[in-house]
Amino acid sequence: MIYFRSLFEKSENAILDKFIITRRLKWVPYKQFQDVEYLDKGGFGTIYKAIWLKSGENKAVVLKCLNNSNENNLNKNLDNFLNESEYMAIIDYANKGNLRRNLTKVVENNWNQRLFMLYKISSGLNEIHSKDLIHCDFHDGNILNHKDEKKDEENDDDESFY
């Protein structure tokens, strides 16, 4: 915990800082993002793509802004310091989009590729459930596909579904 505290950048709000440290979250100032662009709006929030200027590396991420993220009922643990208009989750950018937008490509895959995709999706759900969590909004638009561009483009085993 001491190591984590030494790396922690303060939000300038003592109550928020304490919550972040105890939950091992990270406060990221908005100025660390550039090229923020709107992607989509869903039932739970608005999605943006951005470049995170993280430790000298420019990393593509998704910023998910939850609808009404500044309301007390959503932030029942945070009700003493709600002075920001919105809070966002930072998520890895899925460079191959979601399953819904790629269904035509999926049906063109051979059975081994389809079964591999199904295996990766079910493994992800199993990981969530093994932590006693529930997704609550599981559908083809929320199944994301990422290909590690640093690895061999011909190797389909480098794809991740989450």
N, C-alpha and C. Protein backbone atom coordinates (compact mmCIF):
# COMPACT_ATOMS: atom_id res chain seq x y z
N MET A 1 0.82 -1.19 0.00
CA MET A 1 0.00 0.00 0.00
C MET A 1 0.87 1.26 0.00
N ILE A 2 2.01 1.21 0.68
CA ILE A 2 2.89 2.38 0.72
C ILE A 2 3.40 2.68 -0.68
N TYR A 3 3.80 1.64 -1.44
CA TYR A 3 4.27 1.83 -2.81
C TYR A 3 3.18 2.47 -3.66
N PHE A 4 1.95 1.98 -3.52
CA PHE A 4 0.83 2.54 -4.29
C PHE A 4 0.63 4.00 -3.95
N ARG A 5 0.68 4.36 -2.68
CA ARG A 5 0.50 5.75 -2.27
C ARG A 5 1.57 6.66 -2.86
N SER A 6 2.80 6.14 -2.96
CA SER A 6 3.87 6.98 -3.49
C SER A 6 3.70 7.27 -4.98
N LEU A 7 2.99 6.40 -5.69
CA LEU A 7 2.75 6.60 -7.11
C LEU A 7 1.47 7.40 -7.39
N PHE A 8 0.69 7.63 -6.37
CA PHE A 8 -0.64 8.22 -6.52
C PHE A 8 -0.56 9.71 -6.79
N GLU A 9 -1.20 10.14 -7.87
CA GLU A 9 -1.31 11.57 -8.17
C GLU A 9 -2.61 12.08 -7.57
N LYS A 10 -2.55 13.11 -6.79
CA LYS A 10 -3.71 13.61 -6.05
C LYS A 10 -4.73 14.28 -6.95
N SER A 11 -6.01 14.16 -6.54
CA SER A 11 -7.11 14.77 -7.28
C SER A 11 -7.47 16.14 -6.74
N GLU A 12 -6.84 16.57 -5.67
CA GLU A 12 -7.12 17.82 -4.97
C GLU A 12 -8.42 17.76 -4.17
N ASN A 13 -8.89 16.56 -3.87
CA ASN A 13 -10.07 16.36 -3.04
C ASN A 13 -9.73 15.26 -2.04
N ALA A 14 -9.61 15.60 -0.76
CA ALA A 14 -9.13 14.66 0.26
C ALA A 14 -10.01 13.42 0.37
N ILE A 15 -11.32 13.58 0.30
CA ILE A 15 -12.23 12.43 0.43
C ILE A 15 -12.10 11.53 -0.79
N LEU A 16 -12.05 12.13 -1.97
CA LEU A 16 -11.87 11.34 -3.19
C LEU A 16 -10.53 10.63 -3.17
N ASP A 17 -9.47 11.32 -2.75
CA ASP A 17 -8.15 10.70 -2.68
C ASP A 17 -8.14 9.49 -1.76
N LYS A 18 -8.81 9.59 -0.61
CA LYS A 18 -8.88 8.46 0.33
C LYS A 18 -9.63 7.29 -0.31
N PHE A 19 -10.74 7.58 -0.98
CA PHE A 19 -11.51 6.53 -1.64
C PHE A 19 -10.66 5.84 -2.71
N ILE A 20 -9.94 6.61 -3.50
CA ILE A 20 -9.11 6.07 -4.57
C ILE A 20 -8.02 5.16 -4.00
N ILE A 21 -7.38 5.59 -2.93
CA ILE A 21 -6.31 4.79 -2.32
C ILE A 21 -6.86 3.50 -1.72
N THR A 22 -7.96 3.58 -0.99
CA THR A 22 -8.49 2.37 -0.35
C THR A 22 -9.04 1.38 -1.37
N ARG A 23 -9.53 1.86 -2.50
CA ARG A 23 -10.06 0.97 -3.54
C ARG A 23 -9.01 0.64 -4.59
N ARG A 24 -7.79 1.22 -4.44
CA ARG A 24 -6.68 1.02 -5.38
C ARG A 24 -7.06 1.43 -6.80
N LEU A 25 -7.76 2.52 -6.89
CA LEU A 25 -8.07 3.12 -8.18
C LEU A 25 -7.02 4.17 -8.49
N LYS A 26 -7.08 4.71 -9.67
CA LYS A 26 -6.12 5.75 -10.03
C LYS A 26 -6.89 6.96 -10.53
N TRP A 27 -6.55 8.12 -10.00
CA TRP A 27 -7.11 9.37 -10.47
C TRP A 27 -6.27 9.82 -11.65
N VAL A 28 -6.90 10.01 -12.79
CA VAL A 28 -6.18 10.44 -13.99
C VAL A 28 -6.75 11.79 -14.41
N PRO A 29 -5.96 12.84 -14.35
CA PRO A 29 -6.44 14.16 -14.78
C PRO A 29 -6.78 14.14 -16.27
N TYR A 30 -7.84 14.84 -16.63
CA TYR A 30 -8.30 14.87 -18.02
C TYR A 30 -7.23 15.40 -18.97
N LYS A 31 -6.33 16.22 -18.48
CA LYS A 31 -5.27 16.78 -19.34
C LYS A 31 -4.31 15.72 -19.85
N GLN A 32 -4.37 14.50 -19.30
CA GLN A 32 -3.51 13.41 -19.77
C GLN A 32 -4.07 12.72 -21.02
N PHE A 33 -5.21 13.21 -21.52
CA PHE A 33 -5.81 12.64 -22.72
C PHE A 33 -5.78 13.65 -23.85
N GLN A 34 -5.55 13.17 -25.05
CA GLN A 34 -5.62 14.05 -26.21
C GLN A 34 -6.38 13.33 -27.32
N ASP A 35 -6.76 14.09 -28.34
CA ASP A 35 -7.51 13.55 -29.48
C ASP A 35 -8.77 12.81 -29.04
N VAL A 36 -9.50 13.36 -28.10
CA VAL A 36 -10.72 12.74 -27.61
C VAL A 36 -11.80 12.88 -28.68
N GLU A 37 -12.39 11.73 -29.06
CA GLU A 37 -13.44 11.77 -30.08
C GLU A 37 -14.62 10.89 -29.66
N TYR A 38 -15.81 11.36 -29.95
CA TYR A 38 -17.05 10.64 -29.65
C TYR A 38 -17.12 9.38 -30.51
N LEU A 39 -17.49 8.23 -29.88
CA LEU A 39 -17.68 6.99 -30.62
C LEU A 39 -19.13 6.57 -30.68
N ASP A 40 -19.79 6.51 -29.50
CA ASP A 40 -21.14 5.95 -29.46
C ASP A 40 -21.82 6.30 -28.15
N LYS A 41 -23.13 6.14 -28.13
CA LYS A 41 -23.90 6.34 -26.90
C LYS A 41 -24.75 5.10 -26.71
N GLY A 42 -24.72 4.54 -25.51
CA GLY A 42 -25.50 3.35 -25.21
C GLY A 42 -26.45 3.61 -24.06
N GLY A 43 -27.05 2.55 -23.58
CA GLY A 43 -28.02 2.66 -22.51
C GLY A 43 -27.44 3.12 -21.19
N PHE A 44 -26.15 2.85 -20.96
CA PHE A 44 -25.54 3.20 -19.68
C PHE A 44 -24.59 4.38 -19.76
N GLY A 45 -24.23 4.81 -20.96
CA GLY A 45 -23.30 5.93 -21.01
C GLY A 45 -22.85 6.28 -22.41
N THR A 46 -21.90 7.18 -22.47
CA THR A 46 -21.33 7.66 -23.71
C THR A 46 -19.88 7.20 -23.81
N ILE A 47 -19.48 6.78 -25.01
CA ILE A 47 -18.16 6.22 -25.23
C ILE A 47 -17.34 7.17 -26.09
N TYR A 48 -16.10 7.41 -25.65
CA TYR A 48 -15.16 8.24 -26.39
C TYR A 48 -13.87 7.45 -26.60
N LYS A 49 -13.18 7.73 -27.68
CA LYS A 49 -11.84 7.19 -27.90
C LYS A 49 -10.87 8.33 -27.63
N ALA A 50 -9.71 8.00 -27.04
CA ALA A 50 -8.72 9.03 -26.73
C ALA A 50 -7.33 8.41 -26.73
N ILE A 51 -6.34 9.27 -26.77
CA ILE A 51 -4.95 8.86 -26.59
C ILE A 51 -4.55 9.26 -25.17
N TRP A 52 -4.12 8.26 -24.39
CA TRP A 52 -3.69 8.50 -23.01
C TRP A 52 -2.18 8.70 -23.03
N LEU A 53 -1.73 9.83 -22.59
CA LEU A 53 -0.30 10.14 -22.53
C LEU A 53 0.24 9.52 -21.24
N LYS A 54 0.39 8.22 -21.27
CA LYS A 54 0.71 7.43 -20.08
C LYS A 54 2.19 7.10 -20.05
N SER A 55 2.90 7.65 -19.09
CA SER A 55 4.33 7.35 -18.88
C SER A 55 5.13 7.42 -20.17
N GLY A 56 4.89 8.44 -20.96
CA GLY A 56 5.65 8.62 -22.18
C GLY A 56 5.18 7.80 -23.37
N GLU A 57 4.27 6.85 -23.15
CA GLU A 57 3.75 6.06 -24.26
C GLU A 57 2.35 6.56 -24.59
N ASN A 58 2.05 6.69 -25.84
CA ASN A 58 0.71 7.11 -26.25
C ASN A 58 -0.12 5.86 -26.46
N LYS A 59 -1.13 5.68 -25.63
CA LYS A 59 -1.93 4.46 -25.65
C LYS A 59 -3.37 4.79 -26.01
N ALA A 60 -3.91 4.09 -27.01
CA ALA A 60 -5.32 4.28 -27.38
C ALA A 60 -6.19 3.64 -26.31
N VAL A 61 -7.15 4.40 -25.80
CA VAL A 61 -8.07 3.92 -24.77
C VAL A 61 -9.48 4.38 -25.10
N VAL A 62 -10.42 3.80 -24.39
CA VAL A 62 -11.81 4.22 -24.45
C VAL A 62 -12.14 4.87 -23.11
N LEU A 63 -12.81 5.99 -23.17
CA LEU A 63 -13.32 6.65 -21.97
C LEU A 63 -14.82 6.41 -21.95
N LYS A 64 -15.30 5.76 -20.91
CA LYS A 64 -16.73 5.47 -20.79
C LYS A 64 -17.29 6.36 -19.70
N CYS A 65 -18.15 7.27 -20.12
CA CYS A 65 -18.79 8.20 -19.20
C CYS A 65 -20.17 7.67 -18.89
N LEU A 66 -20.39 7.25 -17.65
CA LEU A 66 -21.68 6.69 -17.27
C LEU A 66 -22.74 7.77 -17.22
N ASN A 67 -23.93 7.43 -17.71
CA ASN A 67 -25.05 8.37 -17.59
C ASN A 67 -25.29 8.69 -16.13
N ASN A 68 -25.48 9.95 -15.83
CA ASN A 68 -25.78 10.40 -14.47
C ASN A 68 -24.72 9.96 -13.47
N SER A 69 -23.46 9.94 -13.90
CA SER A 69 -22.39 9.48 -13.00
C SER A 69 -22.16 10.45 -11.84
N ASN A 70 -22.79 11.60 -11.89
CA ASN A 70 -22.63 12.54 -10.79
C ASN A 70 -23.81 12.51 -9.83
N GLU A 71 -24.72 11.54 -10.00
CA GLU A 71 -25.88 11.47 -9.12
C GLU A 71 -25.54 10.67 -7.86
N ASN A 72 -26.16 11.04 -6.76
CA ASN A 72 -25.87 10.39 -5.48
C ASN A 72 -26.24 8.92 -5.47
N ASN A 73 -27.33 8.52 -6.15
CA ASN A 73 -27.72 7.12 -6.10
C ASN A 73 -26.70 6.21 -6.77
N LEU A 74 -25.99 6.70 -7.78
CA LEU A 74 -24.96 5.91 -8.43
C LEU A 74 -23.67 5.93 -7.64
N ASN A 75 -23.39 7.03 -7.00
CA ASN A 75 -22.14 7.20 -6.26
C ASN A 75 -22.38 7.18 -4.76
N LYS A 76 -23.12 6.20 -4.29
CA LYS A 76 -23.47 6.19 -2.87
C LYS A 76 -22.24 6.15 -1.97
N ASN A 77 -21.14 5.60 -2.45
CA ASN A 77 -19.91 5.59 -1.66
C ASN A 77 -19.13 6.89 -1.78
N LEU A 78 -19.52 7.73 -2.72
CA LEU A 78 -18.74 8.92 -3.02
C LEU A 78 -19.50 10.20 -2.72
N ASP A 79 -20.60 10.12 -2.02
CA ASP A 79 -21.53 11.25 -1.92
C ASP A 79 -20.95 12.49 -1.25
N ASN A 80 -19.83 12.39 -0.56
CA ASN A 80 -19.27 13.55 0.13
C ASN A 80 -18.38 14.43 -0.74
N PHE A 81 -18.04 13.97 -1.94
CA PHE A 81 -17.13 14.79 -2.73
C PHE A 81 -17.54 14.94 -4.18
N LEU A 82 -18.81 14.89 -4.44
CA LEU A 82 -19.29 14.98 -5.82
C LEU A 82 -19.22 16.41 -6.33
N ASN A 83 -18.03 16.84 -6.69
CA ASN A 83 -17.88 18.19 -7.22
C ASN A 83 -17.49 18.18 -8.69
N GLU A 84 -17.23 17.01 -9.23
CA GLU A 84 -16.94 16.90 -10.66
C GLU A 84 -18.27 16.64 -11.38
N SER A 85 -18.37 17.08 -12.62
CA SER A 85 -19.62 16.87 -13.34
C SER A 85 -19.75 15.44 -13.84
N GLU A 86 -18.67 14.78 -14.16
CA GLU A 86 -18.72 13.41 -14.66
C GLU A 86 -17.48 12.64 -14.23
N TYR A 87 -17.64 11.33 -14.06
CA TYR A 87 -16.53 10.43 -13.81
C TYR A 87 -16.48 9.44 -14.96
N MET A 88 -15.30 9.05 -15.37
CA MET A 88 -15.15 8.16 -16.51
C MET A 88 -14.30 6.95 -16.15
N ALA A 89 -14.62 5.83 -16.78
CA ALA A 89 -13.80 4.64 -16.67
C ALA A 89 -12.87 4.61 -17.88
N ILE A 90 -11.63 4.20 -17.66
CA ILE A 90 -10.65 4.08 -18.73
C ILE A 90 -10.54 2.60 -19.08
N ILE A 91 -10.76 2.29 -20.34
CA ILE A 91 -10.80 0.90 -20.80
C ILE A 91 -9.87 0.77 -22.00
N ASP A 92 -9.20 -0.38 -22.12
CA ASP A 92 -8.37 -0.62 -23.31
C ASP A 92 -9.22 -0.49 -24.56
N TYR A 93 -8.63 0.07 -25.60
CA TYR A 93 -9.33 0.25 -26.87
C TYR A 93 -9.33 -1.06 -27.65
N ALA A 94 -10.50 -1.51 -28.07
CA ALA A 94 -10.63 -2.73 -28.87
C ALA A 94 -10.52 -2.35 -30.34
N ASN A 95 -9.36 -2.58 -30.93
CA ASN A 95 -9.08 -2.08 -32.27
C ASN A 95 -9.83 -2.81 -33.38
N LYS A 96 -10.52 -3.90 -33.06
CA LYS A 96 -11.30 -4.60 -34.08
C LYS A 96 -12.81 -4.46 -33.84
N GLY A 97 -13.19 -3.55 -32.95
CA GLY A 97 -14.61 -3.27 -32.75
C GLY A 97 -15.33 -4.30 -31.91
N ASN A 98 -16.65 -4.33 -32.06
CA ASN A 98 -17.45 -5.27 -31.28
C ASN A 98 -18.02 -6.37 -32.17
N LEU A 99 -18.59 -7.39 -31.55
CA LEU A 99 -19.11 -8.53 -32.28
C LEU A 99 -20.27 -8.12 -33.20
N ARG A 100 -21.13 -7.24 -32.74
CA ARG A 100 -22.28 -6.82 -33.55
C ARG A 100 -21.84 -6.26 -34.90
N ARG A 101 -20.84 -5.40 -34.87
CA ARG A 101 -20.38 -4.76 -36.11
C ARG A 101 -19.56 -5.70 -37.00
N ASN A 102 -19.20 -6.86 -36.47
CA ASN A 102 -18.37 -7.79 -37.23
C ASN A 102 -19.05 -9.13 -37.49
N LEU A 103 -20.37 -9.20 -37.32
CA LEU A 103 -21.06 -10.49 -37.48
C LEU A 103 -20.92 -11.05 -38.90
N THR A 104 -20.91 -10.21 -39.91
CA THR A 104 -20.75 -10.73 -41.28
C THR A 104 -19.39 -11.38 -41.46
N LYS A 105 -18.37 -10.85 -40.81
CA LYS A 105 -17.04 -11.46 -40.89
C LYS A 105 -17.01 -12.78 -40.12
N VAL A 106 -17.74 -12.83 -39.01
CA VAL A 106 -17.74 -14.03 -38.18
C VAL A 106 -18.35 -15.21 -38.94
N VAL A 107 -19.45 -14.99 -39.66
CA VAL A 107 -20.08 -16.10 -40.38
C VAL A 107 -19.21 -16.60 -41.53
N GLU A 108 -18.27 -15.77 -41.98
CA GLU A 108 -17.34 -16.20 -43.03
C GLU A 108 -16.19 -17.03 -42.47
N ASN A 109 -15.99 -17.02 -41.15
CA ASN A 109 -14.91 -17.79 -40.53
C ASN A 109 -15.20 -19.28 -40.61
N ASN A 110 -14.14 -20.08 -40.56
CA ASN A 110 -14.35 -21.52 -40.52
C ASN A 110 -14.77 -21.91 -39.10
N TRP A 111 -15.18 -23.16 -38.93
CA TRP A 111 -15.72 -23.60 -37.64
C TRP A 111 -14.69 -23.50 -36.53
N ASN A 112 -13.42 -23.78 -36.83
CA ASN A 112 -12.39 -23.67 -35.79
C ASN A 112 -12.29 -22.25 -35.26
N GLN A 113 -12.35 -21.26 -36.16
CA GLN A 113 -12.29 -19.86 -35.74
C GLN A 113 -13.51 -19.48 -34.91
N ARG A 114 -14.69 -19.94 -35.33
CA ARG A 114 -15.92 -19.65 -34.59
C ARG A 114 -15.87 -20.26 -33.19
N LEU A 115 -15.42 -21.51 -33.12
CA LEU A 115 -15.33 -22.17 -31.82
C LEU A 115 -14.30 -21.49 -30.92
N PHE A 116 -13.20 -21.02 -31.51
CA PHE A 116 -12.19 -20.30 -30.74
C PHE A 116 -12.78 -19.01 -30.17
N MET A 117 -13.54 -18.28 -30.98
CA MET A 117 -14.20 -17.06 -30.51
C MET A 117 -15.16 -17.38 -29.36
N LEU A 118 -15.96 -18.42 -29.53
CA LEU A 118 -16.90 -18.82 -28.49
C LEU A 118 -16.17 -19.20 -27.21
N TYR A 119 -15.04 -19.90 -27.34
CA TYR A 119 -14.23 -20.27 -26.19
C TYR A 119 -13.72 -19.02 -25.46
N LYS A 120 -13.20 -18.04 -26.21
CA LYS A 120 -12.68 -16.82 -25.58
C LYS A 120 -13.79 -16.03 -24.88
N ILE A 121 -14.96 -15.95 -25.50
CA ILE A 121 -16.09 -15.23 -24.90
C ILE A 121 -16.54 -15.93 -23.63
N SER A 122 -16.70 -17.26 -23.68
CA SER A 122 -17.15 -17.99 -22.49
C SER A 122 -16.09 -17.96 -21.39
N SER A 123 -14.80 -17.95 -21.76
CA SER A 123 -13.74 -17.83 -20.75
C SER A 123 -13.81 -16.48 -20.04
N GLY A 124 -14.10 -15.43 -20.80
CA GLY A 124 -14.25 -14.10 -20.19
C GLY A 124 -15.41 -14.05 -19.22
N LEU A 125 -16.54 -14.64 -19.61
CA LEU A 125 -17.70 -14.69 -18.70
C LEU A 125 -17.38 -15.51 -17.46
N ASN A 126 -16.67 -16.62 -17.66
CA ASN A 126 -16.28 -17.45 -16.52
C ASN A 126 -15.39 -16.67 -15.55
N GLU A 127 -14.48 -15.87 -16.09
CA GLU A 127 -13.60 -15.06 -15.23
C GLU A 127 -14.42 -14.05 -14.42
N ILE A 128 -15.40 -13.42 -15.06
CA ILE A 128 -16.27 -12.48 -14.35
C ILE A 128 -17.03 -13.19 -13.25
N HIS A 129 -17.65 -14.33 -13.57
CA HIS A 129 -18.46 -15.06 -12.60
C HIS A 129 -17.62 -15.66 -11.48
N SER A 130 -16.36 -16.03 -11.76
CA SER A 130 -15.49 -16.59 -10.72
C SER A 130 -15.17 -15.56 -9.63
N LYS A 131 -15.37 -14.28 -9.95
CA LYS A 131 -15.16 -13.21 -8.98
C LYS A 131 -16.48 -12.75 -8.36
N ASP A 132 -17.51 -13.60 -8.51
CA ASP A 132 -18.86 -13.30 -7.99
C ASP A 132 -19.41 -11.99 -8.53
N LEU A 133 -19.12 -11.72 -9.79
CA LEU A 133 -19.65 -10.54 -10.46
C LEU A 133 -20.61 -10.97 -11.56
N ILE A 134 -21.48 -10.07 -11.95
CA ILE A 134 -22.42 -10.31 -13.04
C ILE A 134 -22.28 -9.16 -14.02
N HIS A 135 -22.30 -9.46 -15.31
CA HIS A 135 -22.11 -8.42 -16.33
C HIS A 135 -23.29 -7.46 -16.37
N CYS A 136 -24.50 -7.92 -16.33
CA CYS A 136 -25.74 -7.13 -16.29
C CYS A 136 -26.15 -6.51 -17.63
N ASP A 137 -25.30 -6.49 -18.63
CA ASP A 137 -25.67 -5.92 -19.93
C ASP A 137 -24.94 -6.67 -21.04
N PHE A 138 -25.06 -7.99 -21.02
CA PHE A 138 -24.33 -8.85 -21.95
C PHE A 138 -25.07 -8.94 -23.28
N HIS A 139 -24.46 -8.43 -24.34
CA HIS A 139 -25.00 -8.54 -25.69
C HIS A 139 -23.86 -8.37 -26.69
N ASP A 140 -24.16 -8.59 -27.96
CA ASP A 140 -23.10 -8.59 -28.98
C ASP A 140 -22.41 -7.24 -29.14
N GLY A 141 -23.04 -6.16 -28.74
CA GLY A 141 -22.39 -4.85 -28.80
C GLY A 141 -21.37 -4.66 -27.70
N ASN A 142 -21.45 -5.48 -26.65
CA ASN A 142 -20.51 -5.39 -25.53
C ASN A 142 -19.44 -6.48 -25.56
N ILE A 143 -19.40 -7.26 -26.61
CA ILE A 143 -18.33 -8.24 -26.78
C ILE A 143 -17.31 -7.60 -27.71
N LEU A 144 -16.18 -7.21 -27.15
CA LEU A 144 -15.18 -6.44 -27.87
C LEU A 144 -14.07 -7.34 -28.38
N ASN A 145 -13.49 -6.97 -29.51
CA ASN A 145 -12.46 -7.77 -30.16
C ASN A 145 -11.20 -6.92 -30.32
N HIS A 146 -10.08 -7.47 -29.88
CA HIS A 146 -8.81 -6.74 -29.98
C HIS A 146 -7.76 -7.65 -30.60
N LYS A 147 -6.99 -7.11 -31.50
CA LYS A 147 -5.88 -7.83 -32.12
C LYS A 147 -4.60 -7.12 -31.76
N ASP A 148 -3.65 -7.84 -31.16
CA ASP A 148 -2.36 -7.25 -30.81
C ASP A 148 -1.57 -7.04 -32.09
N GLU A 149 -1.44 -5.78 -32.49
CA GLU A 149 -0.77 -5.46 -33.76
C GLU A 149 0.73 -5.68 -33.71
N LYS A 150 1.29 -5.86 -32.53
CA LYS A 150 2.73 -6.09 -32.41
C LYS A 150 3.09 -7.54 -32.75
N LYS A 151 2.07 -8.41 -32.74
CA LYS A 151 2.31 -9.83 -33.02
C LYS A 151 2.00 -10.13 -34.48
N ASP A 152 2.29 -11.33 -34.90
CA ASP A 152 2.10 -11.76 -36.28
C ASP A 152 0.63 -11.61 -36.70
N GLU A 153 0.39 -10.88 -37.78
CA GLU A 153 -0.97 -10.62 -38.27
C GLU A 153 -1.68 -11.90 -38.70
N GLU A 154 -0.95 -12.93 -39.09
CA GLU A 154 -1.58 -14.15 -39.59
C GLU A 154 -2.01 -15.08 -38.46
N ASN A 155 -1.60 -14.84 -37.25
CA ASN A 155 -1.88 -15.72 -36.14
C ASN A 155 -3.15 -15.27 -35.43
N ASP A 156 -4.27 -15.97 -35.66
CA ASP A 156 -5.55 -15.59 -35.06
C ASP A 156 -5.58 -15.82 -33.55
N ASP A 157 -4.63 -16.60 -33.02
CA ASP A 157 -4.61 -16.85 -31.58
C ASP A 157 -4.26 -15.60 -30.78
N ASP A 158 -3.80 -14.54 -31.45
CA ASP A 158 -3.44 -13.31 -30.76
C ASP A 158 -4.65 -12.41 -30.53
N GLU A 159 -5.84 -12.83 -30.97
CA GLU A 159 -7.03 -12.01 -30.78
C GLU A 159 -7.59 -12.22 -29.39
N SER A 160 -8.14 -11.16 -28.83
CA SER A 160 -8.78 -11.22 -27.52
C SER A 160 -10.21 -10.75 -27.65
N PHE A 161 -11.10 -11.40 -26.94
CA PHE A 161 -12.50 -11.00 -26.88
C PHE A 161 -12.82 -10.69 -25.43
N TYR A 162 -13.37 -9.51 -25.17
CA TYR A 162 -13.73 -9.14 -23.80
C TYR A 162 -14.91 -8.23 -23.80
